[in-house]
């Protein structure tokens, strides 16, 4: 019995290592899909408008149910106090939220279309342009 409980510390260390590995994979994924001219700081400045966008998209009955469910799960994740990196750490604390939001938003934009982003965007046109670049949506014809 002592042998089992003697190594109790390996469990939290393993969990922490797994969370760090997942976070690194998410950072790498965002780095690979983000436009070259956008940095994490640019994405952090857009976060409040993007959260309102996500809420608007999640409550839009015209969007398919799978998109709305995914967005609701995302909003719960963002509101959850459990993070890979605590939010009180400047810039890095919100990076995990930004990474997950960016990946889901990219999927939503490609699935629902650019028009859905335009209809629900609460911020400035420059902010919408940045979000569209992040989502890989370029072209004048797609602006609502």
C-alpha atoms as a PDB file:
ATOM      1  CA  UNK A   1       0.000   0.000   0.000  1.00  0.00           C
ATOM      2  CA  UNK A   2       2.874   2.407   0.787  1.00  0.00           C
ATOM      3  CA  UNK A   3       4.365   1.761  -2.619  1.00  0.00           C
ATOM      4  CA  UNK A   4       1.152   2.887  -4.343  1.00  0.00           C
ATOM      5  CA  UNK A   5       0.775   6.057  -2.280  1.00  0.00           C
ATOM      6  CA  UNK A   6       4.512   6.706  -2.239  1.00  0.00           C
ATOM      7  CA  UNK A   7       4.403   7.798  -5.863  1.00  0.00           C
ATOM      8  CA  UNK A   8       1.242   9.938  -5.578  1.00  0.00           C
ATOM      9  CA  UNK A   9       3.096  12.990  -6.896  1.00  0.00           C
ATOM     10  CA  UNK A  10       3.470  11.392 -10.345  1.00  0.00           C
ATOM     11  CA  UNK A  11      -0.248  11.807 -11.014  1.00  0.00           C
ATOM     12  CA  UNK A  12      -0.382  15.639 -10.756  1.00  0.00           C
ATOM     13  CA  UNK A  13       2.948  15.913 -12.569  1.00  0.00           C
ATOM     14  CA  UNK A  14       1.632  13.728 -15.390  1.00  0.00           C
ATOM     15  CA  UNK A  15      -1.574  15.750 -15.625  1.00  0.00           C
ATOM     16  CA  UNK A  16       0.403  19.004 -15.724  1.00  0.00           C
ATOM     17  CA  UNK A  17       2.705  17.612 -18.421  1.00  0.00           C
ATOM     18  CA  UNK A  18      -0.281  16.507 -20.492  1.00  0.00           C
ATOM     19  CA  UNK A  19      -1.890  19.956 -20.187  1.00  0.00           C
ATOM     20  CA  UNK A  20       1.349  21.637 -21.248  1.00  0.00           C
ATOM     21  CA  UNK A  21       1.593  19.285 -24.233  1.00  0.00           C
ATOM     22  CA  UNK A  22      -2.003  20.058 -25.277  1.00  0.00           C
ATOM     23  CA  UNK A  23      -1.348  23.782 -24.913  1.00  0.00           C
ATOM     24  CA  UNK A  24       1.793  23.536 -27.048  1.00  0.00           C
ATOM     25  CA  UNK A  25      -0.124  21.667 -29.741  1.00  0.00           C
ATOM     26  CA  UNK A  26      -2.789  24.395 -29.708  1.00  0.00           C
ATOM     27  CA  UNK A  27      -0.160  27.140 -29.931  1.00  0.00           C
ATOM     28  CA  UNK A  28       1.474  25.374 -32.858  1.00  0.00           C
ATOM     29  CA  UNK A  29      -1.898  24.936 -34.589  1.00  0.00           C
ATOM     30  CA  UNK A  30      -2.723  28.636 -34.220  1.00  0.00           C
ATOM     31  CA  UNK A  31       0.737  29.616 -35.405  1.00  0.00           C
ATOM     32  CA  UNK A  32       0.323  27.488 -38.509  1.00  0.00           C
ATOM     33  CA  UNK A  33      -3.180  28.743 -39.419  1.00  0.00           C
ATOM     34  CA  UNK A  34      -2.831  32.407 -38.500  1.00  0.00           C
ATOM     35  CA  UNK A  35      -2.067  34.980 -41.171  1.00  0.00           C
ATOM     36  CA  UNK A  36       1.537  36.189 -41.175  1.00  0.00           C
ATOM     37  CA  UNK A  37       0.625  39.782 -40.347  1.00  0.00           C
ATOM     38  CA  UNK A  38      -1.349  38.917 -37.175  1.00  0.00           C
ATOM     39  CA  UNK A  39       0.208  38.365 -33.788  1.00  0.00           C
ATOM     40  CA  UNK A  40      -1.188  37.094 -30.490  1.00  0.00           C
ATOM     41  CA  UNK A  41      -1.384  40.691 -29.196  1.00  0.00           C
ATOM     42  CA  UNK A  42      -3.610  41.636 -32.151  1.00  0.00           C
ATOM     43  CA  UNK A  43      -5.868  38.711 -31.375  1.00  0.00           C
ATOM     44  CA  UNK A  44      -6.052  39.635 -27.692  1.00  0.00           C
ATOM     45  CA  UNK A  45      -7.254  43.147 -28.584  1.00  0.00           C
ATOM     46  CA  UNK A  46     -10.128  41.605 -30.545  1.00  0.00           C
ATOM     47  CA  UNK A  47     -11.185  39.229 -27.764  1.00  0.00           C
ATOM     48  CA  UNK A  48     -14.177  41.216 -26.367  1.00  0.00           C
ATOM     49  CA  UNK A  49     -15.703  41.697 -29.836  1.00  0.00           C
ATOM     50  CA  UNK A  50     -15.030  38.071 -30.744  1.00  0.00           C
ATOM     51  CA  UNK A  51     -16.794  36.890 -27.576  1.00  0.00           C
ATOM     52  CA  UNK A  52     -19.858  38.973 -28.511  1.00  0.00           C
ATOM     53  CA  UNK A  53     -19.627  37.544 -32.034  1.00  0.00           C
ATOM     54  CA  UNK A  54     -19.565  34.005 -30.658  1.00  0.00           C
ATOM     55  CA  UNK A  55     -22.595  34.723 -28.464  1.00  0.00           C
ATOM     56  CA  UNK A  56     -24.488  36.133 -31.442  1.00  0.00           C
ATOM     57  CA  UNK A  57     -23.600  33.170 -33.634  1.00  0.00           C
ATOM     58  CA  UNK A  58     -24.528  30.685 -30.883  1.00  0.00           C
ATOM     59  CA  UNK A  59     -27.985  32.229 -30.532  1.00  0.00           C
ATOM     60  CA  UNK A  60     -28.695  32.420 -34.286  1.00  0.00           C
ATOM     61  CA  UNK A  61     -31.430  29.862 -35.072  1.00  0.00           C
ATOM     62  CA  UNK A  62     -30.578  30.001 -38.784  1.00  0.00           C
ATOM     63  CA  UNK A  63     -27.208  28.341 -38.213  1.00  0.00           C
ATOM     64  CA  UNK A  64     -26.996  24.545 -38.077  1.00  0.00           C
ATOM     65  CA  UNK A  65     -27.405  23.003 -34.649  1.00  0.00           C
ATOM     66  CA  UNK A  66     -23.876  21.493 -34.633  1.00  0.00           C
ATOM     67  CA  UNK A  67     -22.364  24.969 -35.032  1.00  0.00           C
ATOM     68  CA  UNK A  68     -24.491  26.429 -32.253  1.00  0.00           C
ATOM     69  CA  UNK A  69     -23.704  23.530 -29.894  1.00  0.00           C
ATOM     70  CA  UNK A  70     -19.983  23.864 -30.617  1.00  0.00           C
ATOM     71  CA  UNK A  71     -20.156  27.619 -29.931  1.00  0.00           C
ATOM     72  CA  UNK A  72     -22.042  27.104 -26.670  1.00  0.00           C
ATOM     73  CA  UNK A  73     -19.409  24.590 -25.537  1.00  0.00           C
ATOM     74  CA  UNK A  74     -16.725  27.101 -26.516  1.00  0.00           C
ATOM     75  CA  UNK A  75     -18.400  29.892 -24.524  1.00  0.00           C
ATOM     76  CA  UNK A  76     -18.633  27.590 -21.484  1.00  0.00           C
ATOM     77  CA  UNK A  77     -14.926  26.776 -21.890  1.00  0.00           C
ATOM     78  CA  UNK A  78     -14.027  30.473 -22.060  1.00  0.00           C
ATOM     79  CA  UNK A  79     -16.175  31.290 -19.016  1.00  0.00           C
ATOM     80  CA  UNK A  80     -14.806  28.335 -17.061  1.00  0.00           C
ATOM     81  CA  UNK A  81     -12.266  29.176 -14.364  1.00  0.00           C
ATOM     82  CA  UNK A  82     -10.272  26.093 -15.375  1.00  0.00           C
ATOM     83  CA  UNK A  83      -7.566  27.050 -17.854  1.00  0.00           C
ATOM     84  CA  UNK A  84      -4.366  25.501 -19.103  1.00  0.00           C
ATOM     85  CA  UNK A  85      -2.586  28.720 -18.104  1.00  0.00           C
ATOM     86  CA  UNK A  86      -4.174  30.862 -15.349  1.00  0.00           C
ATOM     87  CA  UNK A  87      -5.702  34.106 -16.635  1.00  0.00           C
ATOM     88  CA  UNK A  88      -3.827  36.248 -14.096  1.00  0.00           C
ATOM     89  CA  UNK A  89      -0.582  35.677 -16.024  1.00  0.00           C
ATOM     90  CA  UNK A  90      -0.319  38.656 -18.412  1.00  0.00           C
ATOM     91  CA  UNK A  91      -0.834  37.882 -22.107  1.00  0.00           C
ATOM     92  CA  UNK A  92      -0.070  34.156 -21.743  1.00  0.00           C
ATOM     93  CA  UNK A  93      -3.017  33.692 -19.397  1.00  0.00           C
ATOM     94  CA  UNK A  94      -5.501  34.405 -22.164  1.00  0.00           C
ATOM     95  CA  UNK A  95      -3.468  32.726 -24.901  1.00  0.00           C
ATOM     96  CA  UNK A  96      -5.097  29.324 -24.420  1.00  0.00           C
ATOM     97  CA  UNK A  97      -8.547  30.907 -24.742  1.00  0.00           C
ATOM     98  CA  UNK A  98      -7.471  32.828 -27.839  1.00  0.00           C
ATOM     99  CA  UNK A  99      -6.039  29.711 -29.464  1.00  0.00           C
ATOM    100  CA  UNK A 100      -9.148  27.621 -28.927  1.00  0.00           C
ATOM    101  CA  UNK A 101     -11.422  30.499 -29.983  1.00  0.00           C
ATOM    102  CA  UNK A 102      -9.408  31.080 -33.139  1.00  0.00           C
ATOM    103  CA  UNK A 103      -9.556  27.436 -34.175  1.00  0.00           C
ATOM    104  CA  UNK A 104     -13.296  27.121 -33.517  1.00  0.00           C
ATOM    105  CA  UNK A 105     -14.046  30.463 -35.164  1.00  0.00           C
ATOM    106  CA  UNK A 106     -12.086  29.408 -38.233  1.00  0.00           C
ATOM    107  CA  UNK A 107     -14.166  26.229 -38.460  1.00  0.00           C
ATOM    108  CA  UNK A 108     -17.425  28.131 -37.909  1.00  0.00           C
ATOM    109  CA  UNK A 109     -16.557  30.728 -40.542  1.00  0.00           C
ATOM    110  CA  UNK A 110     -15.763  28.066 -43.099  1.00  0.00           C
ATOM    111  CA  UNK A 111     -18.870  26.046 -42.232  1.00  0.00           C
ATOM    112  CA  UNK A 112     -21.433  28.837 -41.776  1.00  0.00           C
ATOM    113  CA  UNK A 113     -19.895  31.253 -44.272  1.00  0.00           C
ATOM    114  CA  UNK A 114     -18.473  34.745 -44.190  1.00  0.00           C
ATOM    115  CA  UNK A 115     -21.906  36.326 -44.199  1.00  0.00           C
ATOM    116  CA  UNK A 116     -22.674  34.914 -40.734  1.00  0.00           C
ATOM    117  CA  UNK A 117     -19.562  36.638 -39.361  1.00  0.00           C
ATOM    118  CA  UNK A 118     -20.499  39.918 -41.006  1.00  0.00           C
ATOM    119  CA  UNK A 119     -24.093  39.854 -39.737  1.00  0.00           C
ATOM    120  CA  UNK A 120     -23.101  39.217 -36.112  1.00  0.00           C
ATOM    121  CA  UNK A 121     -19.886  41.275 -35.899  1.00  0.00           C
ATOM    122  CA  UNK A 122     -20.258  43.910 -33.117  1.00  0.00           C
ATOM    123  CA  UNK A 123     -16.950  45.742 -33.621  1.00  0.00           C
ATOM    124  CA  UNK A 124     -15.242  47.958 -36.133  1.00  0.00           C
ATOM    125  CA  UNK A 125     -14.762  47.125 -39.818  1.00  0.00           C
ATOM    126  CA  UNK A 126     -11.004  46.821 -39.190  1.00  0.00           C
ATOM    127  CA  UNK A 127     -11.694  44.270 -36.479  1.00  0.00           C
ATOM    128  CA  UNK A 128     -13.941  42.292 -38.812  1.00  0.00           C
ATOM    129  CA  UNK A 129     -11.233  42.387 -41.474  1.00  0.00           C
ATOM    130  CA  UNK A 130      -8.733  40.993 -38.943  1.00  0.00           C
ATOM    131  CA  UNK A 131     -11.124  38.211 -37.926  1.00  0.00           C
ATOM    132  CA  UNK A 132     -11.765  37.388 -41.580  1.00  0.00           C
ATOM    133  CA  UNK A 133      -7.998  37.170 -42.192  1.00  0.00           C
ATOM    134  CA  UNK A 134      -7.640  34.902 -39.163  1.00  0.00           C
ATOM    135  CA  UNK A 135     -10.374  32.668 -40.542  1.00  0.00           C
ATOM    136  CA  UNK A 136      -8.741  32.572 -43.931  1.00  0.00           C
ATOM    137  CA  UNK A 137     -11.622  34.423 -45.556  1.00  0.00           C
ATOM    138  CA  UNK A 138     -10.381  36.983 -48.023  1.00  0.00           C
ATOM    139  CA  UNK A 139     -11.999  38.546 -50.996  1.00  0.00           C
ATOM    140  CA  UNK A 140     -14.313  41.435 -51.513  1.00  0.00           C
ATOM    141  CA  UNK A 141     -17.309  39.359 -52.602  1.00  0.00           C
ATOM    142  CA  UNK A 142     -17.683  37.742 -49.213  1.00  0.00           C
ATOM    143  CA  UNK A 143     -18.299  40.942 -47.263  1.00  0.00           C
ATOM    144  CA  UNK A 144     -21.990  41.178 -46.385  1.00  0.00           C
END
